[in-house]
Amino acid sequence: MTEPTSKDLDQVKQLRDAYAAMKAEMRKVIVGQDQVVDELFMALFCRGHCLLIGVPGLAKTLMISTLAKVLSLSFNRIQFTPDLMPADITGTEVIQEDRASGRRDFKFLHGPVFANVILADEINRTPPKTQAALLEAMQEYQVTVGGQRHELQKPFFVLATQNPIEQEGTYPLPEAQLDRFMFNIKVGYPSLEEELEIVDKTTQPLTAQPKPVLQSENILRYQALVRRVPVASHVIQYAVRLARATRPGADDGKGIHEYVGWGAGPRAGQHLVLGAKARAVLQGRPTPGVEDVRAVAPAVLRHRIVTNFSAEAESITTDQLVLRLLDEIRE
């Protein structure tokens, strides 16, 4: 493990202070949901994407649009419906005539995916063909239309939402696309005190407006910083053990194998380490520990474990399996 430079240590302190300021601005609009906000920022600084699962009315859209304002980033919302087509996301080519010369040429009209922060609202309500239009954008930071590649703005952050209640007329995301999301974030109900504050704040004539804290160039610099964060070998080994333990037949995690059809792939180990790095830096620490890996494990693993019939018969969820795994595998 290489030691961080004095410049990197200064940037860690700057990011920690900026993070405190960003959370303060978020709290002007968003009540509670601290863990959700933490995981959103962690994924952002890792260049990852998030899947948010929660019932309607929990301010998921407001949270994401507020995050974009705090970061001075452009924001677009795409409402996924059964009739949405790939071109409705990526954009399309149209014929445009030059009035002076009379010449006709194709011109590319940018779709809503050309923004820094994309809210893919209820992504499972559109067919796989349209869902797949986001895959290239999420992985390659570009879209291809008419054989031409068009680069997306950076930073680029996709946040897709799903409603866990209504499943009729939906198209579950294939495993390959689920694996593209760094975190699967559960958005829960607020506490009684938080709900009282929400009702009080949102029924007033004036609402607080968040102020920008960072610019896009700062975000790109901090994303590079997270990648440079040194990690001890035993932390990497723990992350890999945890990811491999989800797979049937592995030496570790035997307490869950009877409930697992398929386990997490290598990308899970990468995201465990990256998430641990971001968590440490946002808290002002120059290097992560095993506790950071354990903290991000539920968000990284819950959508990468495929349960079998035994788990369904006993109503065992992937969250319960991850907790069992964390109890079984210590440092």
C-alpha atoms as a PDB file:
ATOM      1  CA  MET A   1       0.000   0.000   0.000  1.00  0.00           C
ATOM      2  CA  THR A   2       1.480   3.358  -1.056  1.00  0.00           C
ATOM      3  CA  GLU A   3       1.248   6.242   1.366  1.00  0.00           C
ATOM      4  CA  PRO A   4      -0.989   9.184   0.343  1.00  0.00           C
ATOM      5  CA  THR A   5       0.821  12.385  -0.627  1.00  0.00           C
ATOM      6  CA  SER A   6       0.425  15.634   1.316  1.00  0.00           C
ATOM      7  CA  LYS A   7      -1.569  17.010  -1.628  1.00  0.00           C
ATOM      8  CA  ASP A   8      -3.963  14.069  -1.449  1.00  0.00           C
ATOM      9  CA  LEU A   9      -4.338  14.519   2.310  1.00  0.00           C
ATOM     10  CA  ASP A  10      -5.226  18.181   1.753  1.00  0.00           C
ATOM     11  CA  GLN A  11      -7.833  17.160  -0.832  1.00  0.00           C
ATOM     12  CA  VAL A  12      -9.294  14.594   1.583  1.00  0.00           C
ATOM     13  CA  LYS A  13      -9.813  17.374   4.146  1.00  0.00           C
ATOM     14  CA  GLN A  14     -11.322  19.644   1.497  1.00  0.00           C
ATOM     15  CA  LEU A  15     -13.743  16.947   0.391  1.00  0.00           C
ATOM     16  CA  ARG A  16     -14.717  16.157   3.978  1.00  0.00           C
ATOM     17  CA  ASP A  17     -15.538  19.842   4.583  1.00  0.00           C
ATOM     18  CA  ALA A  18     -17.377  20.121   1.253  1.00  0.00           C
ATOM     19  CA  TYR A  19     -19.345  16.987   2.091  1.00  0.00           C
ATOM     20  CA  ALA A  20     -20.487  18.472   5.403  1.00  0.00           C
ATOM     21  CA  ALA A  21     -21.598  21.603   3.534  1.00  0.00           C
ATOM     22  CA  MET A  22     -23.419  19.537   0.874  1.00  0.00           C
ATOM     23  CA  LYS A  23     -25.310  17.545   3.493  1.00  0.00           C
ATOM     24  CA  ALA A  24     -26.284  20.770   5.255  1.00  0.00           C
ATOM     25  CA  GLU A  25     -27.710  22.126   1.993  1.00  0.00           C
ATOM     26  CA  MET A  26     -29.539  18.843   1.329  1.00  0.00           C
ATOM     27  CA  ARG A  27     -31.136  19.014   4.797  1.00  0.00           C
ATOM     28  CA  LYS A  28     -32.736  22.346   3.885  1.00  0.00           C
ATOM     29  CA  VAL A  29     -35.032  20.375   1.582  1.00  0.00           C
ATOM     30  CA  ILE A  30     -34.747  16.695   2.546  1.00  0.00           C
ATOM     31  CA  VAL A  31     -35.734  15.547   6.030  1.00  0.00           C
ATOM     32  CA  GLY A  32     -34.007  12.402   7.292  1.00  0.00           C
ATOM     33  CA  GLN A  33     -32.857   9.711   4.815  1.00  0.00           C
ATOM     34  CA  ASP A  34     -29.256  10.259   5.978  1.00  0.00           C
ATOM     35  CA  GLN A  35     -28.063   6.817   4.900  1.00  0.00           C
ATOM     36  CA  VAL A  36     -29.643   7.218   1.462  1.00  0.00           C
ATOM     37  CA  VAL A  37     -27.935  10.588   1.000  1.00  0.00           C
ATOM     38  CA  ASP A  38     -24.597   9.140   2.177  1.00  0.00           C
ATOM     39  CA  GLU A  39     -24.829   6.265  -0.309  1.00  0.00           C
ATOM     40  CA  LEU A  40     -25.781   8.604  -3.170  1.00  0.00           C
ATOM     41  CA  PHE A  41     -22.704  10.743  -2.582  1.00  0.00           C
ATOM     42  CA  MET A  42     -20.476   7.684  -2.184  1.00  0.00           C
ATOM     43  CA  ALA A  43     -21.624   6.317  -5.558  1.00  0.00           C
ATOM     44  CA  LEU A  44     -21.214   9.714  -7.214  1.00  0.00           C
ATOM     45  CA  PHE A  45     -17.593  10.087  -6.133  1.00  0.00           C
ATOM     46  CA  CYS A  46     -16.914   6.489  -7.259  1.00  0.00           C
ATOM     47  CA  ARG A  47     -18.356   7.240 -10.738  1.00  0.00           C
ATOM     48  CA  GLY A  48     -21.060   4.690 -10.003  1.00  0.00           C
ATOM     49  CA  HIS A  49     -24.814   4.563 -10.599  1.00  0.00           C
ATOM     50  CA  CYS A  50     -27.633   3.789  -8.187  1.00  0.00           C
ATOM     51  CA  LEU A  51     -30.917   1.910  -8.160  1.00  0.00           C
ATOM     52  CA  LEU A  52     -33.366   3.329  -5.601  1.00  0.00           C
ATOM     53  CA  ILE A  53     -36.151   1.091  -4.337  1.00  0.00           C
ATOM     54  CA  GLY A  54     -39.002   2.720  -2.450  1.00  0.00           C
ATOM     55  CA  VAL A  55     -42.739   3.273  -2.436  1.00  0.00           C
ATOM     56  CA  PRO A  56     -44.184   6.461  -3.967  1.00  0.00           C
ATOM     57  CA  GLY A  57     -44.133   9.660  -1.958  1.00  0.00           C
ATOM     58  CA  LEU A  58     -40.748   9.278  -0.254  1.00  0.00           C
ATOM     59  CA  ALA A  59     -39.184  12.278  -2.075  1.00  0.00           C
ATOM     60  CA  LYS A  60     -36.875  10.240  -4.310  1.00  0.00           C
ATOM     61  CA  THR A  61     -37.271  12.674  -7.209  1.00  0.00           C
ATOM     62  CA  LEU A  62     -36.886  15.708  -4.931  1.00  0.00           C
ATOM     63  CA  MET A  63     -33.792  14.173  -3.354  1.00  0.00           C
ATOM     64  CA  ILE A  64     -32.123  13.633  -6.718  1.00  0.00           C
ATOM     65  CA  SER A  65     -33.002  17.045  -8.143  1.00  0.00           C
ATOM     66  CA  THR A  66     -31.770  18.684  -4.927  1.00  0.00           C
ATOM     67  CA  LEU A  67     -28.507  16.748  -5.165  1.00  0.00           C
ATOM     68  CA  ALA A  68     -28.038  18.092  -8.712  1.00  0.00           C
ATOM     69  CA  LYS A  69     -28.581  21.664  -7.493  1.00  0.00           C
ATOM     70  CA  VAL A  70     -26.100  21.268  -4.641  1.00  0.00           C
ATOM     71  CA  LEU A  71     -23.512  19.973  -7.111  1.00  0.00           C
ATOM     72  CA  SER A  72     -24.275  22.583  -9.831  1.00  0.00           C
ATOM     73  CA  LEU A  73     -25.037  19.793 -12.300  1.00  0.00           C
ATOM     74  CA  SER A  74     -27.605  19.610 -15.093  1.00  0.00           C
ATOM     75  CA  PHE A  75     -30.557  17.345 -14.343  1.00  0.00           C
ATOM     76  CA  ASN A  76     -33.069  15.500 -16.531  1.00  0.00           C
ATOM     77  CA  ARG A  77     -35.908  13.233 -15.536  1.00  0.00           C
ATOM     78  CA  ILE A  78     -36.992  10.422 -17.857  1.00  0.00           C
ATOM     79  CA  GLN A  79     -40.363   8.864 -17.051  1.00  0.00           C
ATOM     80  CA  PHE A  80     -40.162   5.241 -18.173  1.00  0.00           C
ATOM     81  CA  THR A  81     -43.424   3.966 -19.664  1.00  0.00           C
ATOM     82  CA  PRO A  82     -44.319   0.897 -21.788  1.00  0.00           C
ATOM     83  CA  ASP A  83     -44.373   2.980 -24.994  1.00  0.00           C
ATOM     84  CA  LEU A  84     -40.998   4.680 -24.422  1.00  0.00           C
ATOM     85  CA  MET A  85     -38.538   4.035 -27.257  1.00  0.00           C
ATOM     86  CA  PRO A  86     -34.700   4.079 -27.176  1.00  0.00           C
ATOM     87  CA  ALA A  87     -34.642   7.251 -29.297  1.00  0.00           C
ATOM     88  CA  ASP A  88     -36.750   8.976 -26.638  1.00  0.00           C
ATOM     89  CA  ILE A  89     -33.746   8.570 -24.318  1.00  0.00           C
ATOM     90  CA  THR A  90     -30.687   8.890 -26.534  1.00  0.00           C
ATOM     91  CA  GLY A  91     -32.001  11.310 -29.151  1.00  0.00           C
ATOM     92  CA  THR A  92     -32.540  10.945 -32.885  1.00  0.00           C
ATOM     93  CA  GLU A  93     -31.364  12.208 -36.259  1.00  0.00           C
ATOM     94  CA  VAL A  94     -33.577  14.519 -38.284  1.00  0.00           C
ATOM     95  CA  ILE A  95     -33.224  15.943 -41.787  1.00  0.00           C
ATOM     96  CA  GLN A  96     -32.463  19.656 -41.725  1.00  0.00           C
ATOM     97  CA  GLU A  97     -32.410  21.877 -44.817  1.00  0.00           C
ATOM     98  CA  ASP A  98     -29.969  24.753 -45.260  1.00  0.00           C
ATOM     99  CA  ARG A  99     -32.152  27.629 -46.516  1.00  0.00           C
ATOM    100  CA  ALA A 100     -29.278  29.335 -48.300  1.00  0.00           C
ATOM    101  CA  SER A 101     -27.975  26.374 -50.290  1.00  0.00           C
ATOM    102  CA  GLY A 102     -31.007  24.110 -50.215  1.00  0.00           C
ATOM    103  CA  ARG A 103     -28.785  21.257 -49.058  1.00  0.00           C
ATOM    104  CA  ARG A 104     -30.251  18.698 -46.715  1.00  0.00           C
ATOM    105  CA  ASP A 105     -28.209  17.075 -43.961  1.00  0.00           C
ATOM    106  CA  PHE A 106     -28.845  14.897 -40.963  1.00  0.00           C
ATOM    107  CA  LYS A 107     -28.682  16.654 -37.626  1.00  0.00           C
ATOM    108  CA  PHE A 108     -28.564  14.854 -34.286  1.00  0.00           C
ATOM    109  CA  LEU A 109     -31.038  16.112 -31.692  1.00  0.00           C
ATOM    110  CA  HIS A 110     -29.819  15.289 -28.199  1.00  0.00           C
ATOM    111  CA  GLY A 111     -32.126  13.263 -25.989  1.00  0.00           C
ATOM    112  CA  PRO A 112     -32.645  13.715 -22.242  1.00  0.00           C
ATOM    113  CA  VAL A 113     -29.726  11.390 -21.451  1.00  0.00           C
ATOM    114  CA  PHE A 114     -27.416  14.302 -22.262  1.00  0.00           C
ATOM    115  CA  ALA A 115     -27.234  15.727 -18.755  1.00  0.00           C
ATOM    116  CA  ASN A 116     -25.024  15.175 -15.703  1.00  0.00           C
ATOM    117  CA  VAL A 117     -27.676  13.667 -13.439  1.00  0.00           C
ATOM    118  CA  ILE A 118     -30.327  11.392 -14.959  1.00  0.00           C
ATOM    119  CA  LEU A 119     -33.385  10.231 -13.047  1.00  0.00           C
ATOM    120  CA  ALA A 120     -34.704   7.076 -14.734  1.00  0.00           C
ATOM    121  CA  ASP A 121     -38.078   7.047 -13.028  1.00  0.00           C
ATOM    122  CA  GLU A 122     -39.694   3.591 -12.677  1.00  0.00           C
ATOM    123  CA  ILE A 123     -37.168   2.023 -15.016  1.00  0.00           C
ATOM    124  CA  ASN A 124     -38.868  -1.383 -14.831  1.00  0.00           C
ATOM    125  CA  ARG A 125     -42.020  -0.071 -16.564  1.00  0.00           C
ATOM    126  CA  THR A 126     -40.411  -0.049 -19.998  1.00  0.00           C
ATOM    127  CA  PRO A 127     -39.440  -3.065 -22.172  1.00  0.00           C
ATOM    128  CA  PRO A 128     -35.846  -4.419 -22.167  1.00  0.00           C
ATOM    129  CA  LYS A 129     -35.044  -2.830 -25.548  1.00  0.00           C
ATOM    130  CA  THR A 130     -35.525   0.624 -24.064  1.00  0.00           C
ATOM    131  CA  GLN A 131     -33.911  -0.280 -20.736  1.00  0.00           C
ATOM    132  CA  ALA A 132     -30.829  -1.357 -22.699  1.00  0.00           C
ATOM    133  CA  ALA A 133     -30.538   2.135 -24.220  1.00  0.00           C
ATOM    134  CA  LEU A 134     -29.048   3.213 -20.899  1.00  0.00           C
ATOM    135  CA  LEU A 135     -26.439   0.425 -20.773  1.00  0.00           C
ATOM    136  CA  GLU A 136     -23.966   1.992 -23.186  1.00  0.00           C
ATOM    137  CA  ALA A 137     -24.427   5.390 -21.554  1.00  0.00           C
ATOM    138  CA  MET A 138     -23.809   4.015 -18.051  1.00  0.00           C
ATOM    139  CA  GLN A 139     -20.748   1.986 -19.002  1.00  0.00           C
ATOM    140  CA  GLU A 140     -19.115   3.904 -21.857  1.00  0.00           C
ATOM    141  CA  TYR A 141     -20.321   7.486 -21.222  1.00  0.00           C
ATOM    142  CA  GLN A 142     -21.526   7.701 -24.818  1.00  0.00           C
ATOM    143  CA  VAL A 143     -24.483   6.836 -27.027  1.00  0.00           C
ATOM    144  CA  THR A 144     -24.389   5.539 -30.599  1.00  0.00           C
ATOM    145  CA  VAL A 145     -27.053   6.769 -33.034  1.00  0.00           C
ATOM    146  CA  GLY A 146     -26.936   6.173 -36.773  1.00  0.00           C
ATOM    147  CA  GLY A 147     -23.436   4.739 -36.464  1.00  0.00           C
ATOM    148  CA  GLN A 148     -22.125   7.921 -34.860  1.00  0.00           C
ATOM    149  CA  ARG A 149     -20.852   8.060 -31.293  1.00  0.00           C
ATOM    150  CA  HIS A 150     -21.837  10.998 -29.131  1.00  0.00           C
ATOM    151  CA  GLU A 151     -19.990  11.553 -25.864  1.00  0.00           C
ATOM    152  CA  LEU A 152     -21.927  12.381 -22.716  1.00  0.00           C
ATOM    153  CA  GLN A 153     -21.151  15.149 -20.271  1.00  0.00           C
ATOM    154  CA  LYS A 154     -19.042  14.234 -17.262  1.00  0.00           C
ATOM    155  CA  PRO A 155     -19.669  13.685 -14.448  1.00  0.00           C
ATOM    156  CA  PHE A 156     -22.503  11.376 -15.487  1.00  0.00           C
ATOM    157  CA  PHE A 157     -24.716   9.871 -12.810  1.00  0.00           C
ATOM    158  CA  VAL A 158     -27.758   7.617 -13.420  1.00  0.00           C
ATOM    159  CA  LEU A 159     -30.265   7.108 -10.622  1.00  0.00           C
ATOM    160  CA  ALA A 160     -33.023   4.668 -11.476  1.00  0.00           C
ATOM    161  CA  THR A 161     -36.092   4.187  -9.294  1.00  0.00           C
ATOM    162  CA  GLN A 162     -38.401   1.220  -8.859  1.00  0.00           C
ATOM    163  CA  ASN A 163     -41.688   0.874  -7.030  1.00  0.00           C
ATOM    164  CA  PRO A 164     -41.638  -2.383  -5.002  1.00  0.00           C
ATOM    165  CA  ILE A 165     -45.439  -2.506  -4.677  1.00  0.00           C
ATOM    166  CA  GLU A 166     -46.884  -2.477  -8.200  1.00  0.00           C
ATOM    167  CA  GLN A 167     -45.390  -5.303 -10.263  1.00  0.00           C
ATOM    168  CA  GLU A 168     -48.140  -5.769 -12.871  1.00  0.00           C
ATOM    169  CA  GLY A 169     -47.108  -4.651 -16.331  1.00  0.00           C
ATOM    170  CA  THR A 170     -43.452  -4.318 -15.384  1.00  0.00           C
ATOM    171  CA  TYR A 171     -40.303  -5.702 -16.982  1.00  0.00           C
ATOM    172  CA  PRO A 172     -37.780  -6.797 -14.327  1.00  0.00           C
ATOM    173  CA  LEU A 173     -34.257  -5.627 -15.046  1.00  0.00           C
ATOM    174  CA  PRO A 174     -32.031  -8.447 -16.367  1.00  0.00           C
ATOM    175  CA  GLU A 175     -29.140  -9.480 -14.126  1.00  0.00           C
ATOM    176  CA  ALA A 176     -26.582  -8.019 -16.530  1.00  0.00           C
ATOM    177  CA  GLN A 177     -28.164  -4.582 -16.228  1.00  0.00           C
ATOM    178  CA  LEU A 178     -28.631  -4.823 -12.460  1.00  0.00           C
ATOM    179  CA  ASP A 179     -24.913  -5.499 -12.179  1.00  0.00           C
ATOM    180  CA  ARG A 180     -24.210  -2.125 -13.813  1.00  0.00           C
ATOM    181  CA  PHE A 181     -25.592  -0.347 -10.774  1.00  0.00           C
ATOM    182  CA  MET A 182     -23.012   0.135  -8.053  1.00  0.00           C
ATOM    183  CA  PHE A 183     -25.558   0.457  -5.244  1.00  0.00           C
ATOM    184  CA  ASN A 184     -29.086  -0.782  -4.700  1.00  0.00           C
ATOM    185  CA  ILE A 185     -30.417   1.737  -2.175  1.00  0.00           C
ATOM    186  CA  LYS A 186     -33.516   1.097  -0.101  1.00  0.00           C
ATOM    187  CA  VAL A 187     -35.562   4.217   0.616  1.00  0.00           C
ATOM    188  CA  GLY A 188     -37.680   3.612   3.701  1.00  0.00           C
ATOM    189  CA  TYR A 189     -40.462   5.434   5.504  1.00  0.00           C
ATOM    190  CA  PRO A 190     -39.495   8.384   7.741  1.00  0.00           C
ATOM    191  CA  SER A 191     -39.692   8.207  11.517  1.00  0.00           C
ATOM    192  CA  LEU A 192     -42.578   9.915  13.361  1.00  0.00           C
ATOM    193  CA  GLU A 193     -40.453  12.965  14.186  1.00  0.00           C
ATOM    194  CA  GLU A 194     -39.204  13.218  10.612  1.00  0.00           C
ATOM    195  CA  GLU A 195     -42.704  12.905   9.169  1.00  0.00           C
ATOM    196  CA  LEU A 196     -43.973  15.670  11.456  1.00  0.00           C
ATOM    197  CA  GLU A 197     -41.153  17.896  10.221  1.00  0.00           C
ATOM    198  CA  ILE A 198     -41.871  16.987   6.589  1.00  0.00           C
ATOM    199  CA  VAL A 199     -45.557  17.894   6.878  1.00  0.00           C
ATOM    200  CA  ASP A 200     -44.716  21.134   8.683  1.00  0.00           C
ATOM    201  CA  LYS A 201     -42.068  22.210   6.165  1.00  0.00           C
ATOM    202  CA  THR A 202     -44.011  21.340   3.029  1.00  0.00           C
ATOM    203  CA  THR A 203     -47.197  23.124   4.052  1.00  0.00           C
ATOM    204  CA  GLN A 204     -45.500  26.489   4.560  1.00  0.00           C
ATOM    205  CA  PRO A 205     -45.799  29.261   1.939  1.00  0.00           C
ATOM    206  CA  LEU A 206     -42.005  29.429   1.431  1.00  0.00           C
ATOM    207  CA  THR A 207     -39.547  26.583   1.037  1.00  0.00           C
ATOM    208  CA  ALA A 208     -35.792  26.726   1.526  1.00  0.00           C
ATOM    209  CA  GLN A 209     -33.599  26.640  -1.579  1.00  0.00           C
ATOM    210  CA  PRO A 210     -30.269  24.777  -1.494  1.00  0.00           C
ATOM    211  CA  LYS A 211     -27.115  26.589  -2.575  1.00  0.00           C
ATOM    212  CA  PRO A 212     -24.475  25.088  -4.879  1.00  0.00           C
ATOM    213  CA  VAL A 213     -21.408  23.800  -3.067  1.00  0.00           C
ATOM    214  CA  LEU A 214     -19.295  22.151  -5.786  1.00  0.00           C
ATOM    215  CA  GLN A 215     -18.767  22.598  -9.512  1.00  0.00           C
ATOM    216  CA  SER A 216     -18.329  19.812 -12.074  1.00  0.00           C
ATOM    217  CA  GLU A 217     -14.546  20.311 -12.229  1.00  0.00           C
ATOM    218  CA  ASN A 218     -14.339  19.827  -8.443  1.00  0.00           C
ATOM    219  CA  ILE A 219     -16.371  16.629  -8.680  1.00  0.00           C
ATOM    220  CA  LEU A 220     -14.125  15.202 -11.408  1.00  0.00           C
ATOM    221  CA  ARG A 221     -11.052  16.015  -9.303  1.00  0.00           C
ATOM    222  CA  TYR A 222     -12.529  14.312  -6.227  1.00  0.00           C
ATOM    223  CA  GLN A 223     -13.563  11.282  -8.294  1.00  0.00           C
ATOM    224  CA  ALA A 224      -9.926  10.935  -9.335  1.00  0.00           C
ATOM    225  CA  LEU A 225      -8.903  11.332  -5.682  1.00  0.00           C
ATOM    226  CA  VAL A 226     -11.104   8.398  -4.614  1.00  0.00           C
ATOM    227  CA  ARG A 227      -9.410   6.199  -7.211  1.00  0.00           C
ATOM    228  CA  ARG A 228      -5.979   7.136  -5.809  1.00  0.00           C
ATOM    229  CA  VAL A 229      -6.879   6.286  -2.209  1.00  0.00           C
ATOM    230  CA  PRO A 230      -4.537   3.496  -1.015  1.00  0.00           C
ATOM    231  CA  VAL A 231      -6.086   0.314   0.365  1.00  0.00           C
ATOM    232  CA  ALA A 232      -4.387  -2.254   2.582  1.00  0.00           C
ATOM    233  CA  SER A 233      -4.136  -5.753   1.115  1.00  0.00           C
ATOM    234  CA  HIS A 234      -6.163  -7.312   3.946  1.00  0.00           C
ATOM    235  CA  VAL A 235      -9.075  -4.939   3.157  1.00  0.00           C
ATOM    236  CA  ILE A 236      -9.047  -5.976  -0.507  1.00  0.00           C
ATOM    237  CA  GLN A 237      -8.845  -9.623   0.510  1.00  0.00           C
ATOM    238  CA  TYR A 238     -11.845  -9.193   2.804  1.00  0.00           C
ATOM    239  CA  ALA A 239     -13.905  -7.554   0.035  1.00  0.00           C
ATOM    240  CA  VAL A 240     -13.071 -10.361  -2.399  1.00  0.00           C
ATOM    241  CA  ARG A 241     -13.863 -13.029   0.225  1.00  0.00           C
ATOM    242  CA  LEU A 242     -17.215 -11.395   0.851  1.00  0.00           C
ATOM    243  CA  ALA A 243     -18.115 -11.267  -2.843  1.00  0.00           C
ATOM    244  CA  ARG A 244     -16.962 -14.826  -3.521  1.00  0.00           C
ATOM    245  CA  ALA A 245     -18.843 -16.146  -0.478  1.00  0.00           C
ATOM    246  CA  THR A 246     -22.148 -15.324  -2.171  1.00  0.00           C
ATOM    247  CA  ARG A 247     -21.496 -17.973  -4.832  1.00  0.00           C
ATOM    248  CA  PRO A 248     -22.746 -21.538  -4.298  1.00  0.00           C
ATOM    249  CA  GLY A 249     -19.873 -23.925  -3.660  1.00  0.00           C
ATOM    250  CA  ALA A 250     -17.524 -21.283  -2.205  1.00  0.00           C
ATOM    251  CA  ASP A 251     -15.510 -22.122   0.902  1.00  0.00           C
ATOM    252  CA  ASP A 252     -16.972 -19.156   2.824  1.00  0.00           C
ATOM    253  CA  GLY A 253     -20.637 -18.301   3.295  1.00  0.00           C
ATOM    254  CA  LYS A 254     -21.848 -21.887   3.562  1.00  0.00           C
ATOM    255  CA  GLY A 255     -24.680 -20.731   5.808  1.00  0.00           C
ATOM    256  CA  ILE A 256     -26.414 -19.061   2.852  1.00  0.00           C
ATOM    257  CA  HIS A 257     -25.613 -21.391  -0.062  1.00  0.00           C
ATOM    258  CA  GLU A 258     -28.775 -23.458   0.274  1.00  0.00           C
ATOM    259  CA  TYR A 259     -30.761 -20.304  -0.540  1.00  0.00           C
ATOM    260  CA  VAL A 260     -28.638 -18.951  -3.403  1.00  0.00           C
ATOM    261  CA  GLY A 261     -29.022 -19.750  -7.097  1.00  0.00           C
ATOM    262  CA  TRP A 262     -26.319 -17.388  -8.335  1.00  0.00           C
ATOM    263  CA  GLY A 263     -23.874 -15.135  -6.526  1.00  0.00           C
ATOM    264  CA  ALA A 264     -22.122 -11.852  -7.168  1.00  0.00           C
ATOM    265  CA  GLY A 265     -19.511 -11.470  -9.900  1.00  0.00           C
ATOM    266  CA  PRO A 266     -16.113  -9.726  -9.772  1.00  0.00           C
ATOM    267  CA  ARG A 267     -17.720  -6.291 -10.194  1.00  0.00           C
ATOM    268  CA  ALA A 268     -19.104  -6.678  -6.657  1.00  0.00           C
ATOM    269  CA  GLY A 269     -15.583  -6.852  -5.221  1.00  0.00           C
ATOM    270  CA  GLN A 270     -14.590  -3.763  -7.200  1.00  0.00           C
ATOM    271  CA  HIS A 271     -17.580  -1.824  -5.903  1.00  0.00           C
ATOM    272  CA  LEU A 272     -17.015  -2.975  -2.322  1.00  0.00           C
ATOM    273  CA  VAL A 273     -13.500  -1.543  -2.411  1.00  0.00           C
ATOM    274  CA  LEU A 274     -14.491   1.649  -4.240  1.00  0.00           C
ATOM    275  CA  GLY A 275     -17.428   2.223  -1.885  1.00  0.00           C
ATOM    276  CA  ALA A 276     -15.146   1.700   1.113  1.00  0.00           C
ATOM    277  CA  LYS A 277     -12.685   4.226  -0.322  1.00  0.00           C
ATOM    278  CA  ALA A 278     -15.396   6.846  -0.838  1.00  0.00           C
ATOM    279  CA  ARG A 279     -16.863   6.281   2.630  1.00  0.00           C
ATOM    280  CA  ALA A 280     -13.466   6.742   4.254  1.00  0.00           C
ATOM    281  CA  VAL A 281     -12.614   9.895   2.290  1.00  0.00           C
ATOM    282  CA  LEU A 282     -16.007  11.515   2.904  1.00  0.00           C
ATOM    283  CA  GLN A 283     -15.380  11.009   6.619  1.00  0.00           C
ATOM    284  CA  GLY A 284     -11.921  12.574   6.334  1.00  0.00           C
ATOM    285  CA  ARG A 285      -9.878   9.354   6.569  1.00  0.00           C
ATOM    286  CA  PRO A 286      -7.039   8.755   4.064  1.00  0.00           C
ATOM    287  CA  THR A 287      -7.571   4.996   3.740  1.00  0.00           C
ATOM    288  CA  PRO A 288     -10.502   2.604   4.327  1.00  0.00           C
ATOM    289  CA  GLY A 289     -10.738  -0.306   6.734  1.00  0.00           C
ATOM    290  CA  VAL A 290     -12.739  -3.505   6.861  1.00  0.00           C
ATOM    291  CA  GLU A 291     -15.568  -1.679   8.646  1.00  0.00           C
ATOM    292  CA  ASP A 292     -16.037   0.483   5.534  1.00  0.00           C
ATOM    293  CA  VAL A 293     -16.390  -2.608   3.345  1.00  0.00           C
ATOM    294  CA  ARG A 294     -18.948  -4.043   5.760  1.00  0.00           C
ATOM    295  CA  ALA A 295     -20.887  -0.758   5.784  1.00  0.00           C
ATOM    296  CA  VAL A 296     -21.368  -0.680   2.002  1.00  0.00           C
ATOM    297  CA  ALA A 297     -21.879  -4.444   1.598  1.00  0.00           C
ATOM    298  CA  PRO A 298     -25.730  -4.457   1.754  1.00  0.00           C
ATOM    299  CA  ALA A 299     -26.060  -1.796  -0.972  1.00  0.00           C
ATOM    300  CA  VAL A 300     -23.474  -3.535  -3.166  1.00  0.00           C
ATOM    301  CA  LEU A 301     -24.647  -7.138  -2.762  1.00  0.00           C
ATOM    302  CA  ARG A 302     -28.432  -7.086  -2.343  1.00  0.00           C
ATOM    303  CA  HIS A 303     -29.127  -6.869  -6.088  1.00  0.00           C
ATOM    304  CA  ARG A 304     -26.333  -9.236  -7.094  1.00  0.00           C
ATOM    305  CA  ILE A 305     -27.550 -12.311  -5.216  1.00  0.00           C
ATOM    306  CA  VAL A 306     -30.154 -14.433  -6.985  1.00  0.00           C
ATOM    307  CA  THR A 307     -32.187 -16.472  -4.492  1.00  0.00           C
ATOM    308  CA  ASN A 308     -33.605 -19.905  -5.261  1.00  0.00           C
ATOM    309  CA  PHE A 309     -36.912 -21.615  -4.504  1.00  0.00           C
ATOM    310  CA  SER A 310     -35.855 -22.543  -0.957  1.00  0.00           C
ATOM    311  CA  ALA A 311     -35.377 -18.873  -0.097  1.00  0.00           C
ATOM    312  CA  GLU A 312     -38.726 -17.938  -1.615  1.00  0.00           C
ATOM    313  CA  ALA A 313     -40.468 -20.774   0.249  1.00  0.00           C
ATOM    314  CA  GLU A 314     -39.045 -19.543   3.575  1.00  0.00           C
ATOM    315  CA  SER A 315     -39.507 -15.831   2.692  1.00  0.00           C
ATOM    316  CA  ILE A 316     -35.783 -15.166   3.050  1.00  0.00           C
ATOM    317  CA  THR A 317     -34.618 -11.957   1.373  1.00  0.00           C
ATOM    318  CA  THR A 318     -31.229 -11.062  -0.054  1.00  0.00           C
ATOM    319  CA  ASP A 319     -30.814  -8.493   2.742  1.00  0.00           C
ATOM    320  CA  GLN A 320     -31.144 -11.257   5.321  1.00  0.00           C
ATOM    321  CA  LEU A 321     -28.601 -13.349   3.435  1.00  0.00           C
ATOM    322  CA  VAL A 322     -26.112 -10.465   3.358  1.00  0.00           C
ATOM    323  CA  LEU A 323     -26.501  -9.958   7.120  1.00  0.00           C
ATOM    324  CA  ARG A 324     -25.880 -13.676   7.679  1.00  0.00           C
ATOM    325  CA  LEU A 325     -22.799 -13.418   5.525  1.00  0.00           C
ATOM    326  CA  LEU A 326     -21.474 -10.434   7.495  1.00  0.00           C
ATOM    327  CA  ASP A 327     -22.035 -12.343  10.750  1.00  0.00           C
ATOM    328  CA  GLU A 328     -20.188 -15.361   9.409  1.00  0.00           C
ATOM    329  CA  ILE A 329     -17.247 -13.605   7.737  1.00  0.00           C
ATOM    330  CA  ARG A 330     -15.258 -11.371  10.030  1.00  0.00           C
ATOM    331  CA  GLU A 331     -11.898  -9.782   9.367  1.00  0.00           C
END
